[in-house]
N, C-alpha and C. Protein backbone atom coordinates (compact mmCIF):
# COMPACT_ATOMS: atom_id res chain seq x y z
N GLN A 1 -3.03 21.62 5.09
CA GLN A 1 -1.45 21.02 4.15
C GLN A 1 -0.37 19.68 5.17
N VAL A 2 0.31 19.15 4.74
CA VAL A 2 1.16 18.22 4.89
C VAL A 2 2.10 18.22 4.41
N GLN A 3 3.26 17.78 5.06
CA GLN A 3 4.94 18.05 4.80
C GLN A 3 5.36 16.61 4.98
N LEU A 4 5.99 16.36 4.01
CA LEU A 4 7.47 15.48 4.22
C LEU A 4 8.59 15.78 4.11
N VAL A 5 9.23 15.16 4.63
CA VAL A 5 10.59 15.59 5.01
C VAL A 5 11.47 14.74 5.19
N GLU A 6 12.34 14.24 4.06
CA GLU A 6 13.19 12.91 4.00
C GLU A 6 14.63 13.45 4.82
N SER A 7 15.37 12.58 5.43
CA SER A 7 17.03 12.80 5.31
C SER A 7 17.50 11.40 5.51
N GLY A 8 18.88 11.54 5.83
CA GLY A 8 19.72 10.42 5.92
C GLY A 8 20.00 9.77 4.56
N GLY A 9 19.87 10.94 3.08
CA GLY A 9 21.02 10.64 1.89
C GLY A 9 22.23 11.05 2.37
N GLY A 10 23.31 10.50 1.44
CA GLY A 10 24.82 10.74 1.76
C GLY A 10 25.79 9.79 0.29
N LEU A 11 26.73 9.94 0.46
CA LEU A 11 28.14 9.20 0.01
C LEU A 11 27.88 8.00 1.24
N VAL A 12 28.06 7.09 0.41
CA VAL A 12 28.43 5.47 0.98
C VAL A 12 29.17 4.82 -0.10
N GLN A 13 30.19 3.92 0.24
CA GLN A 13 30.40 2.92 -0.76
C GLN A 13 30.21 1.44 -0.59
N ALA A 14 30.47 0.89 -2.06
CA ALA A 14 29.32 0.05 -2.21
C ALA A 14 29.68 -1.11 -0.69
N GLY A 15 28.24 -1.84 -0.66
CA GLY A 15 28.83 -2.63 0.53
C GLY A 15 28.33 -2.09 1.65
N GLY A 16 27.94 -0.77 1.60
CA GLY A 16 27.70 0.06 3.14
C GLY A 16 26.14 -0.33 3.37
N SER A 17 26.28 0.69 4.27
CA SER A 17 24.64 0.90 4.50
C SER A 17 23.87 2.34 4.74
N ARG A 18 22.85 2.26 4.83
CA ARG A 18 22.35 3.63 5.03
C ARG A 18 20.85 3.26 5.34
N ARG A 19 20.36 4.95 6.15
CA ARG A 19 19.56 4.48 6.85
C ARG A 19 18.43 5.94 6.46
N LEU A 20 17.63 6.29 5.95
CA LEU A 20 16.45 7.24 5.58
C LEU A 20 15.45 7.24 6.42
N SER A 21 15.49 8.52 6.49
CA SER A 21 13.78 9.10 7.67
C SER A 21 13.50 9.66 6.58
N CYS A 22 11.61 9.68 6.86
CA CYS A 22 11.01 10.73 6.46
C CYS A 22 9.93 10.92 7.69
N ALA A 23 9.83 11.93 7.85
CA ALA A 23 8.60 12.72 9.09
C ALA A 23 7.49 13.38 7.97
N ALA A 24 6.69 13.04 8.78
CA ALA A 24 5.41 14.15 8.16
C ALA A 24 4.65 14.56 9.27
N SER A 25 4.09 16.01 8.54
CA SER A 25 3.91 16.47 9.66
C SER A 25 2.46 17.76 9.32
N GLY A 26 1.52 18.30 9.87
CA GLY A 26 0.85 19.30 9.57
C GLY A 26 -0.55 18.68 9.81
N SER A 27 -1.34 18.71 8.97
CA SER A 27 -3.17 18.47 8.99
C SER A 27 -3.14 17.05 8.89
N ILE A 28 -3.09 15.88 9.77
CA ILE A 28 -3.06 14.60 9.54
C ILE A 28 -3.92 14.10 10.60
N SER A 29 -5.12 13.27 9.84
CA SER A 29 -5.64 12.51 11.06
C SER A 29 -5.13 11.11 11.14
N SER A 30 -4.81 10.54 9.90
CA SER A 30 -4.15 9.24 10.05
C SER A 30 -3.64 8.98 8.15
N ILE A 31 -2.77 8.39 8.68
CA ILE A 31 -1.59 7.73 7.43
C ILE A 31 -2.25 6.27 7.15
N ASN A 32 -2.20 6.18 5.96
CA ASN A 32 -2.50 5.18 5.40
C ASN A 32 -1.23 4.56 4.91
N ALA A 33 -0.91 4.22 3.78
CA ALA A 33 0.65 3.86 3.37
C ALA A 33 1.46 4.45 3.58
N MET A 34 2.34 4.75 3.83
CA MET A 34 3.70 5.15 2.77
C MET A 34 4.87 4.46 2.76
N GLU A 35 5.26 5.44 1.41
CA GLU A 35 6.04 4.47 0.71
C GLU A 35 7.16 5.15 0.23
N TRP A 36 8.37 4.38 -0.18
CA TRP A 36 9.97 5.02 -0.50
C TRP A 36 9.91 4.69 -2.11
N TYR A 37 9.73 6.01 -2.70
CA TYR A 37 10.02 5.62 -4.39
C TYR A 37 11.86 6.22 -4.29
N ARG A 38 12.56 5.76 -5.84
CA ARG A 38 13.63 5.99 -5.92
C ARG A 38 13.34 6.57 -7.44
N GLN A 39 14.63 7.70 -7.91
CA GLN A 39 14.57 8.01 -9.41
C GLN A 39 16.26 8.00 -9.38
N ALA A 40 16.65 7.14 -10.42
CA ALA A 40 17.87 7.73 -10.73
C ALA A 40 18.10 8.43 -11.91
N PRO A 41 19.05 8.97 -12.68
CA PRO A 41 19.29 10.00 -13.61
C PRO A 41 18.66 9.04 -14.93
N GLY A 42 17.90 9.69 -15.74
CA GLY A 42 17.78 9.56 -17.17
C GLY A 42 16.52 8.25 -16.82
N LYS A 43 15.85 7.85 -15.98
CA LYS A 43 15.13 6.55 -15.32
C LYS A 43 13.83 7.45 -14.79
N GLN A 44 13.15 6.66 -15.07
CA GLN A 44 11.62 6.95 -14.40
C GLN A 44 11.49 6.30 -13.07
N ARG A 45 10.82 6.96 -12.21
CA ARG A 45 10.55 6.76 -10.84
C ARG A 45 10.30 5.35 -10.73
N GLU A 46 10.48 4.70 -9.64
CA GLU A 46 10.43 3.73 -9.34
C GLU A 46 10.01 2.91 -7.61
N LEU A 47 9.21 2.08 -7.22
CA LEU A 47 8.48 2.09 -6.39
C LEU A 47 9.53 1.04 -5.40
N VAL A 48 10.06 1.57 -4.61
CA VAL A 48 11.29 0.61 -3.38
C VAL A 48 10.33 -0.34 -2.95
N ALA A 49 9.26 0.14 -1.82
CA ALA A 49 9.10 -0.24 -0.82
C ALA A 49 7.44 0.37 -0.24
N THR A 50 6.87 -0.43 -0.04
CA THR A 50 5.28 0.10 0.92
C THR A 50 5.35 -0.55 1.98
N PHE A 51 4.86 0.40 3.33
CA PHE A 51 4.28 0.03 4.57
C PHE A 51 3.09 -0.02 4.41
N SER A 52 2.53 -0.81 4.66
CA SER A 52 0.48 -0.50 4.44
C SER A 52 0.13 0.02 5.90
N SER A 53 -0.98 0.61 6.17
CA SER A 53 -1.61 0.77 7.68
C SER A 53 -1.63 -0.39 8.13
N GLY A 54 -1.86 -1.30 7.71
CA GLY A 54 -2.41 -2.71 8.27
C GLY A 54 -1.05 -3.10 8.47
N GLY A 55 0.23 -3.10 8.43
CA GLY A 55 1.33 -3.50 8.77
C GLY A 55 1.95 -4.35 7.87
N SER A 56 1.63 -4.68 6.84
CA SER A 56 2.11 -5.23 5.71
C SER A 56 3.38 -4.39 4.95
N THR A 57 4.24 -5.39 4.65
CA THR A 57 5.26 -4.68 3.58
C THR A 57 5.37 -5.42 2.28
N ASN A 58 6.03 -4.61 1.79
CA ASN A 58 6.20 -4.87 0.31
C ASN A 58 7.92 -4.25 -0.55
N TYR A 59 8.38 -4.64 -1.14
CA TYR A 59 9.45 -4.66 -1.80
C TYR A 59 9.57 -4.76 -3.58
N ALA A 60 10.32 -4.12 -3.93
CA ALA A 60 10.64 -4.35 -5.37
C ALA A 60 11.91 -5.13 -5.40
N ASP A 61 11.92 -6.12 -6.41
CA ASP A 61 12.40 -7.08 -6.62
C ASP A 61 13.85 -6.98 -6.44
N SER A 62 14.27 -5.95 -6.91
CA SER A 62 16.04 -5.39 -6.92
C SER A 62 16.26 -4.96 -5.41
N VAL A 63 15.54 -4.80 -4.36
CA VAL A 63 15.87 -4.58 -2.82
C VAL A 63 15.99 -5.47 -2.08
N LYS A 64 14.69 -6.81 -2.53
CA LYS A 64 14.42 -7.67 -1.32
C LYS A 64 15.65 -7.94 -0.94
N GLY A 65 15.58 -8.22 0.52
CA GLY A 65 16.51 -9.24 1.45
C GLY A 65 17.67 -7.82 1.39
N ARG A 66 17.79 -6.58 1.09
CA ARG A 66 19.05 -5.99 1.13
C ARG A 66 18.33 -4.59 2.08
N PHE A 67 16.83 -4.14 2.09
CA PHE A 67 16.56 -2.92 2.61
C PHE A 67 15.16 -3.50 3.36
N THR A 68 15.14 -2.54 4.18
CA THR A 68 13.97 -2.83 5.11
C THR A 68 12.95 -1.26 5.23
N ILE A 69 11.86 -1.89 5.24
CA ILE A 69 10.81 -0.48 5.11
C ILE A 69 10.65 -0.32 7.08
N SER A 70 10.42 0.47 7.74
CA SER A 70 9.69 0.01 9.20
C SER A 70 8.92 1.54 9.08
N ARG A 71 8.28 1.14 10.31
CA ARG A 71 7.24 2.71 10.43
C ARG A 71 7.11 2.80 11.96
N ASP A 72 7.03 4.46 12.19
CA ASP A 72 6.26 4.89 13.95
C ASP A 72 5.52 5.77 13.56
N ASP A 73 4.51 4.97 13.98
CA ASP A 73 3.02 5.77 14.03
C ASP A 73 3.24 7.29 14.93
N PRO A 74 3.35 6.96 15.82
CA PRO A 74 3.37 7.72 16.66
C PRO A 74 4.03 9.42 16.36
N LYS A 75 5.33 8.77 15.53
CA LYS A 75 6.00 10.23 15.17
C LYS A 75 5.39 10.37 13.46
N ASN A 76 4.68 9.44 13.24
CA ASN A 76 4.28 9.84 11.63
C ASN A 76 5.27 9.70 11.04
N THR A 77 6.39 8.94 11.32
CA THR A 77 7.79 8.76 10.02
C THR A 77 7.94 7.23 9.95
N VAL A 78 8.37 7.30 8.75
CA VAL A 78 8.58 6.04 7.88
C VAL A 78 10.26 5.86 7.63
N TYR A 79 10.65 4.87 7.85
CA TYR A 79 12.33 4.70 7.46
C TYR A 79 12.54 3.68 5.93
N LEU A 80 13.89 3.59 6.06
CA LEU A 80 14.00 2.64 5.01
C LEU A 80 15.86 2.67 5.60
N GLN A 81 15.95 0.86 5.90
CA GLN A 81 17.21 0.44 6.21
C GLN A 81 17.95 -0.14 4.94
N MET A 82 18.71 0.39 4.05
CA MET A 82 19.36 0.29 3.44
C MET A 82 20.54 -0.48 3.57
N ASN A 83 20.89 -2.02 3.07
CA ASN A 83 22.07 -2.48 3.46
C ASN A 83 22.23 -2.68 2.23
N SER A 84 23.73 -3.80 2.57
CA SER A 84 24.93 -4.39 1.01
C SER A 84 24.43 -3.26 -0.18
N LEU A 85 24.89 -2.18 -0.29
CA LEU A 85 24.46 -1.18 -0.93
C LEU A 85 24.87 -1.18 -2.38
N LYS A 86 25.05 -1.26 -3.38
CA LYS A 86 25.13 -1.02 -5.03
C LYS A 86 24.90 0.03 -5.69
N PRO A 87 25.84 0.43 -6.44
CA PRO A 87 25.91 1.69 -7.18
C PRO A 87 25.15 1.97 -7.98
N ASP A 88 24.10 0.74 -8.24
CA ASP A 88 22.83 0.70 -8.99
C ASP A 88 21.66 0.99 -8.21
N ASP A 89 22.13 1.41 -6.70
CA ASP A 89 21.07 1.67 -5.80
C ASP A 89 21.27 3.56 -5.81
N THR A 90 22.25 4.02 -6.62
CA THR A 90 22.32 5.25 -6.70
C THR A 90 21.00 6.09 -7.43
N ALA A 91 20.14 7.34 -6.63
CA ALA A 91 19.16 7.89 -6.85
C ALA A 91 19.02 8.85 -5.92
N VAL A 92 17.93 9.53 -6.63
CA VAL A 92 16.83 10.43 -4.99
C VAL A 92 16.00 9.55 -5.04
N TYR A 93 15.90 9.65 -3.58
CA TYR A 93 14.99 8.65 -2.99
C TYR A 93 13.82 9.84 -2.15
N TYR A 94 12.48 9.68 -2.76
CA TYR A 94 11.11 10.30 -2.36
C TYR A 94 10.34 9.15 -1.10
N CYS A 95 10.17 9.78 -0.55
CA CYS A 95 8.76 9.37 0.27
C CYS A 95 7.79 9.71 0.30
N SER A 96 6.38 8.68 -0.09
CA SER A 96 5.31 9.63 0.03
C SER A 96 4.07 8.85 1.05
N ALA A 97 3.35 9.76 1.44
CA ALA A 97 2.02 9.58 2.37
C ALA A 97 0.67 9.26 1.77
N ASP A 98 0.06 8.32 2.42
CA ASP A 98 -1.41 8.18 1.44
C ASP A 98 -2.53 8.66 3.20
N VAL A 99 -2.65 10.15 3.03
CA VAL A 99 -2.82 10.83 4.66
C VAL A 99 -4.55 11.03 4.33
N THR A 100 -4.96 11.08 5.41
CA THR A 100 -6.65 11.29 5.94
C THR A 100 -6.75 12.37 6.65
N TYR A 101 -7.25 13.58 6.32
CA TYR A 101 -7.43 14.19 6.86
C TYR A 101 -9.40 15.28 7.09
N ARG A 102 -9.51 14.81 8.15
CA ARG A 102 -11.48 14.55 8.06
C ARG A 102 -11.70 14.01 6.78
N TRP A 103 -12.36 14.63 5.72
CA TRP A 103 -13.40 13.71 4.82
C TRP A 103 -12.23 13.70 3.65
N ASN A 104 -11.04 13.98 3.67
CA ASN A 104 -10.55 14.61 2.38
C ASN A 104 -9.06 13.17 2.77
N ARG A 105 -8.75 12.80 1.59
CA ARG A 105 -7.78 11.85 1.60
C ARG A 105 -6.78 12.16 0.30
N ASN A 106 -5.66 12.19 0.49
CA ASN A 106 -4.35 12.96 -0.62
C ASN A 106 -3.33 11.97 -0.50
N ILE A 107 -2.46 12.13 -1.77
CA ILE A 107 -0.79 11.47 -1.49
C ILE A 107 -0.03 12.70 -1.56
N TYR A 108 0.77 12.57 -0.18
CA TYR A 108 1.83 13.75 -0.49
C TYR A 108 3.06 13.05 -0.74
N TRP A 109 4.06 14.24 -0.79
CA TRP A 109 5.35 13.68 -1.41
C TRP A 109 6.35 14.58 -0.84
N GLY A 110 7.56 14.33 -0.55
CA GLY A 110 8.62 14.82 -0.30
C GLY A 110 9.35 15.16 -1.25
N ARG A 111 10.70 15.73 -1.23
CA ARG A 111 11.63 16.75 -2.02
C ARG A 111 12.52 15.70 -2.29
N GLY A 112 12.76 14.75 -1.54
CA GLY A 112 13.53 13.89 -2.21
C GLY A 112 15.22 14.06 -1.12
N THR A 113 15.63 12.68 -1.12
CA THR A 113 17.45 12.95 -0.88
C THR A 113 17.95 11.76 -1.42
N GLN A 114 19.32 12.33 -1.80
CA GLN A 114 20.45 12.06 -2.29
C GLN A 114 20.96 10.46 -1.78
N VAL A 115 20.96 9.89 -2.74
CA VAL A 115 22.29 8.68 -2.22
C VAL A 115 22.98 7.99 -3.62
N THR A 116 23.98 8.15 -2.98
CA THR A 116 24.87 8.21 -4.19
C THR A 116 25.77 6.66 -3.49
N VAL A 117 26.37 5.84 -4.58
CA VAL A 117 26.85 4.68 -3.85
C VAL A 117 27.98 4.48 -4.66
N SER A 118 29.24 4.56 -4.26
CA SER A 118 30.48 4.59 -5.12
C SER A 118 31.05 3.08 -5.09
N SER A 119 31.42 3.10 -6.43
CA SER A 119 31.91 1.09 -6.62
C SER A 119 33.41 1.40 -5.79
């Protein structure tokens, strides 16, 4: 079994910054892609950023130039640096990891961390 634990959420003023972390632990041989999603009240969960095992990154158009995803493989941790935050960024942020253990490969999710941006 694999656990993902997010941290770093909280209340921040518009224009401010916040750094989220997500640490994976448990039965892990390797981690492929790690991603950040978010879900605002009344909206569907959306993909925010991806960090592939090959090192490439992708971002939702709404966060390009403001958010940066990074990864520390020895720590099985992914980060999301969020700058120039807007009220529209208010959401629960979830991380996911595509994990391989022996011959099994599964997607795991964290429980989420709330980010609230005040205007």
